Amino acid sequence: MLANNNQGVIRRMARRSLASSRRRTVIMGLAVALSAFMLFSVFTVGITWFHMYHLQNIRLAGGDFDAVMYGMTEEQREKCEENPDIDRIGIAAVAGSVLSTDYDNTVNVGCIWADDVYWNDIMAPARTQVKGSYPQEENEVMLTQGALETCGFEDMGLGIGDTFRALWQDGQGNQMEREFKISGIWEGYGSQNEFYVSKAFYDQCGYQLSEVASGRYFMTFHRNFWTQEEQTAFIDSMDLEKQQNIFFSVEVGYSIPIVLGLAGIALVTCLCACLLIYNILYLSVAGNVRYYGLLQTIGMTGRQIRALMGRQSVLVGGVGIAAGLLLGTGVSFFLIPSIVRFLGHRDQLPPGSLPPDYPPDRRYGLDRQPQAGEAGGLCLPHRGGGLPAGVWREERAKNREGRPSVAAGAAAAHKGQTKVSGHHFISGGRLFRVPVPGHHDTESGPPDLRLQLHGSGHGD
C-alpha cells in the first residue's frame, strides 16, 4: 500500500474544527491562559519575593552576610578557614566610642574597624555612595553625614580632609580628647552613627578581636539553605566559650520553610491547572465522539484521529500559553510594581530614616521586650544606637543649651556612672545587651553594630 501524506489535510481540518466550535475553543483557550498565568505568577512572584527579602535583609543588617559570631579565638578561626561551607569571613570590631564634642556632649557614636572583606564585599551592597577612601592613618575616620549631625557638626559643613576634636573612650574605659581627620564619607543603609577607623587606630584601642565585646566575625556560606539541625551542628562544632554567640540571619534561618511553602503553593497551582485543562479537553473530546466516528467511517485511521486531536490541542495550547505568559508578564513586571510604587510613594523616606510621627516609645525601643525562645539578655533602650541621625535629634537638642564643653562636661557626666559592660545584638527586631564579666563602661558605652538577626544563638 502506497504511503499517503495527509498532514496538510489534518492541519486544515483541525483549524476548521476549532473555527466551527468557537465557543468551546474560546473556553479551552481561556482555561489554558489562566493556568499559564497562575504558574507564571507563582514563580515570578516567588523569585521576586526572594530577591526583595534578600535586599531588605541587607538594608536592615547593613551588609550581606549569613551569620555573625561574637569573638573568635585562633583555633576557631582555623576551623572556619578549613570549613568548606564557609565562603568568606569579614571582621568588624568595636574600637571604643565617641562620648562628646565641643558642640554636643550627648554624642553616642561607636568607633568600628572593618577589614577589607567586610568593607569591600559584605558591606558594599548596603552602601549607596562613597566619597574618599577608607582610613589608613591612625587619626582618620570614614563616616556618614548622619554621624556628623549626631556629633553636632550639621551646620559646620565638614567634608573630606577636615578635622574635628572629640572626647573618645577606649576599651579600658580611659577617656581622652583626640583629633580626627575625615578621610571619606559614605551613605547607605544600616547603622549611621558609627566612625569607621583604621587598623592602626584599633591596635591601640585596648580591645582584642577575640573579645566578645569587640570582635564581630561576619560569615557567608556557599549554601543558601540551612536546616535547624545543620545550624545547631555548626554552632556545636565551633566549641564556643562563655559569652560567645553565633547568630544566623533571618534569611538563612528560615530559608527552608519559606522554600517549602512556595514549593507547596506552586505544586497546588500546577495540580489545579492540570486538572482544569484535562477536564476541559476531556469534555471537548467526549462531545465530538460522533464526529470522530463519522471520520472513521470514511476511512480515517485511529492514528490520523489522534494526530487531529493533537493538532487541535497544540493550536489551543500554544495560543493560550502565549496569552497567559503575556498577561503574567504585564501583571508581574508592570502592574504590581506600579501599584506598589503608587501606594508607597507618600511613605518613601531617605535610607535609614523613620517617619516624623513615629511613636517615641518605638523609636527608642522602649516597647521592645524579649520573647520566649529568643536569645537571652536584658532588653534595654539604646540612645540613638542603630537609629538614623535626626530621629532623636529633637529630643537631644533641648539638652545642649547650658551644657559644659568636651572635657569638663563629658567627664562630669560619665564620672561615677559605672555599669557592667556587655555587647549588644538584635534578635527578632529587639536590642539586647549581654554582660561581659570583668569589664566596665559608662552609660554611654560603645554601641555595637545593629543587626537584624535570627535568634538562634548559642552560649554557655
Protein backbone atom coordinates (compact mmCIF):
# COMPACT_ATOMS: atom_id res chain seq x y z
CA MET A 1 0.00 0.00 0.00
CA LEU A 2 1.42 3.38 -1.02
CA ALA A 3 2.03 5.94 1.72
CA ASN A 4 -0.22 8.98 1.64
CA ASN A 5 1.00 12.25 3.17
CA ASN A 6 -2.17 13.75 4.61
CA GLN A 7 -0.63 16.05 7.23
CA GLY A 8 -1.77 19.15 5.35
CA VAL A 9 -5.34 17.83 5.31
CA ILE A 10 -5.23 17.16 9.05
CA ARG A 11 -3.94 20.71 9.75
CA ARG A 12 -6.78 22.25 7.74
CA MET A 13 -9.35 20.02 9.43
CA ALA A 14 -8.03 20.99 12.86
CA ARG A 15 -8.29 24.71 12.12
CA ARG A 16 -11.77 24.40 10.63
CA SER A 17 -12.96 22.22 13.50
CA LEU A 18 -11.84 24.83 16.04
CA ALA A 19 -13.37 27.64 13.99
CA SER A 20 -16.72 25.84 13.74
CA SER A 21 -16.97 25.48 17.52
CA ARG A 22 -15.72 28.89 18.59
CA ARG A 23 -17.39 28.92 21.99
CA ARG A 24 -15.74 25.69 23.08
CA THR A 25 -12.42 26.81 21.60
CA VAL A 26 -12.55 30.13 23.47
CA ILE A 27 -13.30 28.37 26.75
CA MET A 28 -10.38 25.97 26.24
CA GLY A 29 -8.05 28.83 25.34
CA LEU A 30 -9.08 30.84 28.41
CA ALA A 31 -8.53 27.80 30.64
CA VAL A 32 -5.03 27.28 29.26
CA ALA A 33 -4.25 31.01 29.50
CA LEU A 34 -5.45 31.14 33.11
CA SER A 35 -3.35 28.11 34.02
CA ALA A 36 -0.25 29.57 32.37
CA PHE A 37 -0.89 32.89 34.10
CA MET A 38 -1.17 31.25 37.52
CA LEU A 39 2.01 29.22 37.07
CA PHE A 40 3.98 32.17 35.72
CA SER A 41 2.75 34.44 38.53
CA VAL A 42 3.62 31.94 41.25
CA PHE A 43 7.20 31.52 40.06
CA THR A 44 7.86 35.17 39.22
CA VAL A 45 6.31 36.43 42.44
CA GLY A 46 8.29 33.82 44.39
CA ILE A 47 11.57 34.79 42.74
CA THR A 48 10.83 38.49 43.18
CA TRP A 49 9.90 37.93 46.81
CA PHE A 50 13.17 36.14 47.49
CA HIS A 51 15.09 38.96 45.82
CA MET A 52 13.27 41.69 47.75
CA TYR A 53 13.55 39.74 51.00
CA HIS A 54 17.30 39.41 50.47
CA LEU A 55 17.58 43.12 49.68
CA GLN A 56 15.54 44.01 52.76
CA ASN A 57 17.80 41.95 55.00
CA ILE A 58 20.88 43.60 53.52
CA ARG A 59 19.48 47.05 54.23
CA LEU A 60 18.31 46.17 57.73
CA ALA A 61 21.58 44.50 58.71
CA GLY A 62 23.85 46.90 56.84
CA GLY A 63 25.59 44.10 54.94
CA ASP A 64 25.23 40.86 53.02
CA PHE A 65 26.11 38.01 55.37
CA ASP A 66 24.61 34.76 56.60
CA ALA A 67 25.84 34.55 60.20
CA VAL A 68 27.79 36.56 62.74
CA MET A 69 29.99 35.28 65.55
CA TYR A 70 30.85 37.33 68.63
CA GLY A 71 34.53 36.91 69.39
CA MET A 72 36.75 34.27 67.79
CA THR A 73 39.87 32.52 69.05
CA GLU A 74 42.73 31.43 66.82
CA GLU A 75 41.58 27.81 67.00
CA GLN A 76 38.09 28.81 65.92
CA ARG A 77 39.50 30.91 63.11
CA GLU A 78 41.42 27.90 61.81
CA LYS A 79 38.25 25.80 61.93
CA CYS A 80 36.41 28.42 59.88
CA GLU A 81 39.20 28.59 57.31
CA GLU A 82 39.12 24.81 56.92
CA ASN A 83 35.31 24.61 56.77
CA PRO A 84 34.26 24.04 53.11
CA ASP A 85 30.80 25.52 53.74
CA ILE A 86 32.16 28.98 54.59
CA ASP A 87 32.71 31.25 51.62
CA ARG A 88 34.28 34.27 53.30
CA ILE A 89 34.70 35.91 56.71
CA GLY A 90 34.69 39.66 57.30
CA ILE A 91 35.66 41.37 60.55
CA ALA A 92 34.06 44.44 62.09
CA ALA A 93 35.38 45.22 65.57
CA VAL A 94 34.33 47.78 68.17
CA ALA A 95 37.19 50.21 68.87
CA GLY A 96 35.69 52.41 71.57
CA SER A 97 33.19 55.24 71.34
CA VAL A 98 32.97 59.00 70.93
CA LEU A 99 31.35 60.50 74.03
CA SER A 100 31.14 64.20 73.23
CA THR A 101 32.36 67.07 71.08
CA ASP A 102 32.66 70.82 71.54
CA TYR A 103 29.21 71.17 70.01
CA ASP A 104 27.36 68.32 71.68
CA ASN A 105 28.07 66.38 74.87
CA THR A 106 25.28 63.85 74.31
CA VAL A 107 27.05 62.05 71.49
CA ASN A 108 26.80 58.26 71.34
CA VAL A 109 28.84 57.22 68.30
CA GLY A 110 30.76 53.96 68.08
CA CYS A 111 34.18 53.52 66.52
CA ILE A 112 34.39 50.46 64.27
CA TRP A 113 37.30 48.91 62.44
CA ALA A 114 36.38 46.87 59.35
CA ASP A 115 38.76 44.66 57.41
CA ASP A 116 38.89 44.58 53.60
CA VAL A 117 36.45 41.66 53.27
CA TYR A 118 33.78 43.29 55.41
CA TRP A 119 34.15 46.78 53.91
CA ASN A 120 34.62 45.86 50.26
CA ASP A 121 32.43 42.74 49.99
CA ILE A 122 29.97 42.28 52.84
CA MET A 123 29.06 45.90 53.46
CA ALA A 124 29.28 47.11 49.84
CA PRO A 125 25.67 46.13 48.85
CA ALA A 126 24.31 48.31 51.67
CA ARG A 127 26.14 51.45 50.53
CA THR A 128 24.65 53.83 48.00
CA GLN A 129 27.51 56.33 47.78
CA VAL A 130 31.17 56.52 48.82
CA LYS A 131 33.43 59.56 48.63
CA GLY A 132 37.07 59.42 49.60
CA SER A 133 38.86 56.32 50.88
CA TYR A 134 38.84 54.03 53.88
CA PRO A 135 41.06 55.26 56.76
CA GLN A 136 44.72 54.24 56.72
CA GLU A 137 46.26 56.61 59.27
CA GLU A 138 45.55 56.35 62.98
CA ASN A 139 43.53 59.58 63.21
CA GLU A 140 41.48 59.11 60.04
CA VAL A 141 37.78 58.21 60.05
CA MET A 142 35.17 57.26 57.47
CA LEU A 143 31.68 58.42 58.46
CA THR A 144 28.23 59.48 57.30
CA GLN A 145 26.51 62.84 57.33
CA GLY A 146 24.23 61.39 59.97
CA ALA A 147 27.20 60.73 62.24
CA LEU A 148 28.39 64.32 61.77
CA GLU A 149 24.94 65.58 62.69
CA THR A 150 24.90 63.34 65.75
CA CYS A 151 28.15 64.98 66.85
CA GLY A 152 26.61 68.44 66.42
CA PHE A 153 28.52 69.34 63.24
CA GLU A 154 25.47 69.69 60.98
CA ASP A 155 25.99 73.44 60.48
CA MET A 156 29.75 73.38 60.02
CA GLY A 157 29.88 71.91 56.53
CA LEU A 158 32.70 69.47 57.30
CA GLY A 159 33.99 67.43 54.38
CA ILE A 160 36.83 65.17 53.32
CA GLY A 161 40.16 66.41 54.65
CA ASP A 162 38.64 68.44 57.51
CA THR A 163 39.45 67.73 61.15
CA PHE A 164 37.50 67.90 64.40
CA ARG A 165 38.11 67.12 68.06
CA ALA A 166 36.11 64.77 70.24
CA LEU A 167 36.25 63.00 73.58
CA TRP A 168 36.93 59.30 72.94
CA GLN A 169 36.76 56.33 75.31
CA ASP A 170 38.87 53.21 74.70
CA GLY A 171 38.26 49.61 75.64
CA GLN A 172 39.75 50.08 79.13
CA GLY A 173 37.43 52.95 79.99
CA ASN A 174 40.12 55.62 79.53
CA GLN A 175 38.86 58.92 78.12
CA MET A 176 40.92 61.34 76.08
CA GLU A 177 40.49 64.12 73.58
CA ARG A 178 41.52 63.17 70.06
CA GLU A 179 41.68 64.95 66.74
CA PHE A 180 40.04 63.07 63.89
CA LYS A 181 40.52 63.67 60.18
CA ILE A 182 37.77 62.80 57.72
CA SER A 183 39.16 60.52 55.02
CA GLY A 184 35.83 59.65 53.42
CA ILE A 185 32.06 59.95 53.63
CA TRP A 186 29.61 57.18 52.78
CA GLU A 187 25.85 56.95 52.62
CA GLY A 188 23.59 53.94 52.62
CA TYR A 189 21.67 51.61 54.87
CA GLY A 190 22.34 50.14 58.28
CA SER A 191 23.66 51.95 61.33
CA GLN A 192 24.66 55.55 60.61
CA ASN A 193 26.07 56.56 64.00
CA GLU A 194 29.50 54.99 63.60
CA PHE A 195 33.02 56.14 62.80
CA TYR A 196 34.96 53.61 60.74
CA VAL A 197 38.59 53.75 61.81
CA SER A 198 41.90 52.31 60.63
CA LYS A 199 43.69 49.17 61.76
CA ALA A 200 46.32 51.36 63.40
CA PHE A 201 43.60 53.01 65.47
CA TYR A 202 42.16 49.65 66.53
CA ASP A 203 45.56 48.29 67.59
CA GLN A 204 45.81 50.93 70.32
CA CYS A 205 42.15 51.00 71.44
CA GLY A 206 42.56 48.40 74.21
CA TYR A 207 40.31 45.74 72.64
CA GLN A 208 41.21 42.33 71.23
CA LEU A 209 39.44 40.61 68.34
CA SER A 210 38.93 37.52 70.49
CA GLU A 211 36.84 39.53 72.98
CA VAL A 212 33.09 39.16 72.73
CA ALA A 213 32.70 42.87 73.44
CA SER A 214 34.68 43.80 70.33
CA GLY A 215 35.22 41.17 67.63
CA ARG A 216 32.39 40.54 65.16
CA TYR A 217 33.02 37.86 62.52
CA PHE A 218 30.54 38.01 59.64
CA MET A 219 30.33 34.82 57.60
CA THR A 220 28.81 33.98 54.24
CA PHE A 221 28.20 30.39 53.16
CA HIS A 222 28.27 28.59 49.83
CA ARG A 223 24.86 27.08 50.59
CA ASN A 224 21.77 29.25 50.87
CA PHE A 225 19.64 26.77 52.81
CA TRP A 226 20.41 25.50 56.29
CA THR A 227 18.15 23.34 58.41
CA GLN A 228 17.86 23.94 62.12
CA GLU A 229 19.83 20.75 62.76
CA GLU A 230 22.64 21.92 60.49
CA GLN A 231 22.77 25.28 62.24
CA THR A 232 22.98 23.60 65.63
CA ALA A 233 25.70 21.23 64.40
CA PHE A 234 27.73 24.15 63.05
CA ILE A 235 27.41 26.03 66.33
CA ASP A 236 28.46 22.96 68.32
CA SER A 237 31.46 22.38 66.04
CA MET A 238 32.87 25.81 66.94
CA ASP A 239 33.28 24.88 70.64
CA LEU A 240 32.04 28.25 71.82
CA GLU A 241 33.37 29.67 75.04
CA LYS A 242 31.37 31.56 77.63
CA GLN A 243 29.64 34.68 76.26
CA GLN A 244 30.42 33.69 72.68
CA ASN A 245 27.46 33.51 70.33
CA ILE A 246 26.67 32.70 66.72
CA PHE A 247 23.56 34.13 65.12
CA PHE A 248 22.21 33.15 61.73
CA SER A 249 20.41 35.73 59.65
CA VAL A 250 16.66 35.52 59.18
CA GLU A 251 17.16 34.61 55.53
CA VAL A 252 19.28 31.58 56.34
CA GLY A 253 17.39 30.65 59.49
CA TYR A 254 14.01 30.42 57.81
CA SER A 255 15.05 29.68 54.22
CA ILE A 256 13.91 26.05 54.06
CA PRO A 257 10.39 26.62 55.50
CA ILE A 258 9.92 29.51 53.08
CA VAL A 259 11.09 27.46 50.09
CA LEU A 260 8.86 24.56 51.10
CA GLY A 261 5.91 26.88 51.45
CA LEU A 262 6.44 28.39 48.00
CA ALA A 263 7.00 24.91 46.52
CA GLY A 264 3.72 23.78 48.05
CA ILE A 265 1.89 26.73 46.52
CA ALA A 266 3.48 26.02 43.13
CA LEU A 267 2.57 22.32 43.37
CA VAL A 268 -1.06 23.07 44.19
CA THR A 269 -1.22 25.59 41.35
CA CYS A 270 0.24 23.08 38.88
CA LEU A 271 -2.20 20.41 40.03
CA CYS A 272 -5.18 22.75 39.65
CA ALA A 273 -4.01 23.85 36.21
CA CYS A 274 -3.55 20.26 35.03
CA LEU A 275 -6.96 19.19 36.30
CA LEU A 276 -8.62 22.19 34.69
CA ILE A 277 -7.03 21.62 31.29
CA TYR A 278 -7.62 17.87 31.44
CA ASN A 279 -11.31 18.23 32.27
CA ILE A 280 -11.91 20.75 29.51
CA LEU A 281 -10.12 18.61 26.92
CA TYR A 282 -11.96 15.51 28.12
CA LEU A 283 -15.33 17.23 27.75
CA SER A 284 -14.33 18.51 24.33
CA VAL A 285 -13.37 15.02 23.12
CA ALA A 286 -16.50 13.46 24.67
CA GLY A 287 -18.66 15.97 22.82
CA ASN A 288 -17.05 15.07 19.49
CA VAL A 289 -17.27 11.28 19.74
CA ARG A 290 -19.90 11.12 16.99
CA TYR A 291 -17.83 13.40 14.78
CA TYR A 292 -14.74 11.19 15.17
CA GLY A 293 -16.87 8.11 14.46
CA LEU A 294 -18.03 9.63 11.17
CA LEU A 295 -14.41 10.33 10.25
CA GLN A 296 -13.57 6.67 10.84
CA THR A 297 -16.43 5.54 8.61
CA ILE A 298 -15.00 7.48 5.67
CA GLY A 299 -11.62 5.81 6.13
CA MET A 300 -9.72 7.90 8.71
CA THR A 301 -7.46 5.75 10.86
CA GLY A 302 -7.09 5.95 14.62
CA ARG A 303 -3.61 7.36 14.22
CA GLN A 304 -4.92 10.14 12.00
CA ILE A 305 -7.67 10.96 14.51
CA ARG A 306 -5.12 11.18 17.30
CA ALA A 307 -2.99 13.46 15.10
CA LEU A 308 -6.07 15.65 14.50
CA MET A 309 -6.79 15.90 18.24
CA GLY A 310 -3.13 16.62 18.96
CA ARG A 311 -3.08 19.36 16.35
CA GLN A 312 -6.14 20.97 17.93
CA SER A 313 -4.55 20.79 21.39
CA VAL A 314 -1.33 22.35 20.11
CA LEU A 315 -3.18 25.25 18.49
CA VAL A 316 -5.34 25.96 21.53
CA GLY A 317 -2.50 25.38 23.99
CA GLY A 318 0.01 27.50 22.07
CA VAL A 319 -2.31 30.49 21.85
CA GLY A 320 -3.47 30.08 25.45
CA ILE A 321 0.03 29.72 26.90
CA ALA A 322 1.29 32.73 24.94
CA ALA A 323 -1.66 34.82 26.15
CA GLY A 324 -1.11 33.66 29.76
CA LEU A 325 2.61 34.46 29.68
CA LEU A 326 1.96 37.91 28.22
CA LEU A 327 -0.68 38.59 30.86
CA GLY A 328 1.59 37.30 33.63
CA THR A 329 4.47 39.44 32.40
CA GLY A 330 2.31 42.53 32.36
CA VAL A 331 0.92 41.91 35.82
CA SER A 332 4.19 40.79 37.47
CA PHE A 333 6.59 43.30 35.96
CA PHE A 334 4.41 46.34 35.27
CA LEU A 335 1.06 46.38 37.08
CA ILE A 336 2.15 45.17 40.54
CA PRO A 337 5.33 47.35 40.67
CA SER A 338 3.25 50.35 39.60
CA ILE A 339 0.72 49.70 42.35
CA VAL A 340 3.48 49.26 44.92
CA ARG A 341 5.16 52.49 43.86
CA PHE A 342 1.83 54.32 43.93
CA LEU A 343 0.89 53.06 47.38
CA GLY A 344 4.37 53.54 48.81
CA HIS A 345 5.16 56.94 47.27
CA ARG A 346 3.90 59.00 50.17
CA ASP A 347 5.82 56.83 52.65
CA GLN A 348 9.15 56.89 50.86
CA LEU A 349 11.95 58.10 53.12
CA PRO A 350 15.70 58.50 52.77
CA PRO A 351 17.80 55.45 53.61
CA GLY A 352 17.96 54.79 57.33
CA SER A 353 15.24 57.30 58.31
CA LEU A 354 11.90 56.99 60.10
CA PRO A 355 8.65 58.95 59.72
CA PRO A 356 8.49 62.17 61.75
CA ASP A 357 5.35 60.95 63.54
CA TYR A 358 6.89 57.60 64.50
CA PRO A 359 5.88 56.80 68.12
CA PRO A 360 8.67 57.84 70.54
CA ASP A 361 8.40 54.61 72.53
CA ARG A 362 9.04 52.58 69.39
CA ARG A 363 11.83 54.92 68.24
CA TYR A 364 13.96 54.16 71.26
CA GLY A 365 13.00 50.52 71.71
CA LEU A 366 11.07 51.21 74.93
CA ASP A 367 8.25 48.92 73.76
CA ARG A 368 10.57 46.03 72.96
CA GLN A 369 10.53 43.04 75.31
CA PRO A 370 12.27 39.70 74.89
CA GLN A 371 10.04 36.79 73.99
CA ALA A 372 10.22 33.18 74.99
CA GLY A 373 12.66 31.19 72.90
CA GLU A 374 14.77 34.18 71.88
CA ALA A 375 18.40 34.62 72.80
CA GLY A 376 18.84 35.69 76.38
CA GLY A 377 19.96 39.01 77.68
CA LEU A 378 18.48 42.20 79.03
CA CYS A 379 16.37 44.30 76.69
CA LEU A 380 17.42 47.92 77.08
CA PRO A 381 16.57 51.14 75.27
CA HIS A 382 19.65 52.29 73.39
CA ARG A 383 20.08 56.04 73.00
CA GLY A 384 20.34 56.53 69.31
CA GLY A 385 22.16 53.27 68.80
CA GLY A 386 21.24 51.97 65.37
CA LEU A 387 18.78 54.78 64.74
CA PRO A 388 19.41 57.27 61.94
CA ALA A 389 20.59 60.73 62.77
CA GLY A 390 17.70 63.13 63.15
CA VAL A 391 15.21 60.64 64.58
CA TRP A 392 16.01 61.54 68.15
CA ARG A 393 17.72 64.88 67.42
CA GLU A 394 14.78 66.95 68.64
CA GLU A 395 14.87 65.14 72.00
CA ARG A 396 18.60 65.72 72.31
CA ALA A 397 18.76 69.32 71.08
CA LYS A 398 16.96 70.73 74.12
CA ASN A 399 19.71 69.28 76.35
CA ARG A 400 22.55 71.05 74.53
CA GLU A 401 21.97 74.52 75.92
CA GLY A 402 23.91 75.33 79.01
CA ARG A 403 25.97 72.15 78.93
CA PRO A 404 29.73 72.30 79.56
CA SER A 405 32.05 71.51 76.69
CA VAL A 406 34.02 68.40 75.90
CA ALA A 407 36.40 67.63 78.74
CA ALA A 408 34.53 69.08 81.70
CA GLY A 409 31.02 68.21 80.61
CA ALA A 410 31.66 64.64 79.47
CA ALA A 411 33.93 63.78 82.37
CA ALA A 412 31.34 65.05 84.86
CA ALA A 413 28.51 63.35 83.06
CA HIS A 414 30.24 59.97 82.98
CA LYS A 415 32.14 60.01 86.25
CA GLY A 416 30.81 57.53 88.77
CA GLN A 417 28.12 56.12 86.46
CA THR A 418 29.59 52.66 86.14
CA LYS A 419 27.62 49.70 84.81
CA VAL A 420 28.51 46.19 83.80
CA SER A 421 29.83 46.22 80.27
CA GLY A 422 28.50 44.00 77.54
CA HIS A 423 27.87 43.51 73.88
CA HIS A 424 24.67 44.33 72.08
CA PHE A 425 22.77 42.43 69.47
CA ILE A 426 19.37 42.47 67.89
CA SER A 427 17.32 39.31 67.66
CA GLY A 428 13.87 39.35 66.14
CA GLY A 429 14.00 43.13 65.83
CA ARG A 430 14.87 43.59 69.54
CA LEU A 431 18.03 45.06 71.03
CA PHE A 432 19.69 43.01 73.75
CA ARG A 433 22.72 43.57 75.94
CA VAL A 434 24.70 40.62 77.30
CA PRO A 435 27.03 41.43 80.22
CA VAL A 436 30.71 40.62 79.88
CA PRO A 437 32.33 39.82 83.25
CA GLY A 438 35.40 41.77 84.19
CA HIS A 439 34.71 44.85 82.04
CA HIS A 440 33.03 48.09 83.00
CA ASP A 441 31.99 51.09 81.00
CA THR A 442 29.76 54.09 81.39
CA GLU A 443 26.17 54.58 80.44
CA SER A 444 27.21 55.77 77.02
CA GLY A 445 29.47 52.80 76.27
CA PRO A 446 30.38 51.76 72.74
CA PRO A 447 27.34 50.92 70.65
CA ASP A 448 27.54 47.74 68.67
CA LEU A 449 26.64 47.08 65.08
CA ARG A 450 22.86 46.88 64.79
CA LEU A 451 21.78 43.68 63.09
CA GLN A 452 18.51 42.08 62.05
CA LEU A 453 19.32 38.51 63.04
CA HIS A 454 17.56 35.24 63.64
CA GLY A 455 17.63 34.40 67.32
CA SER A 456 19.42 31.08 67.04
CA GLY A 457 22.43 31.94 69.13
CA HIS A 458 24.34 29.72 71.43
CA GLY A 459 26.33 30.32 74.54
CA ASP A 460 27.08 28.86 77.90
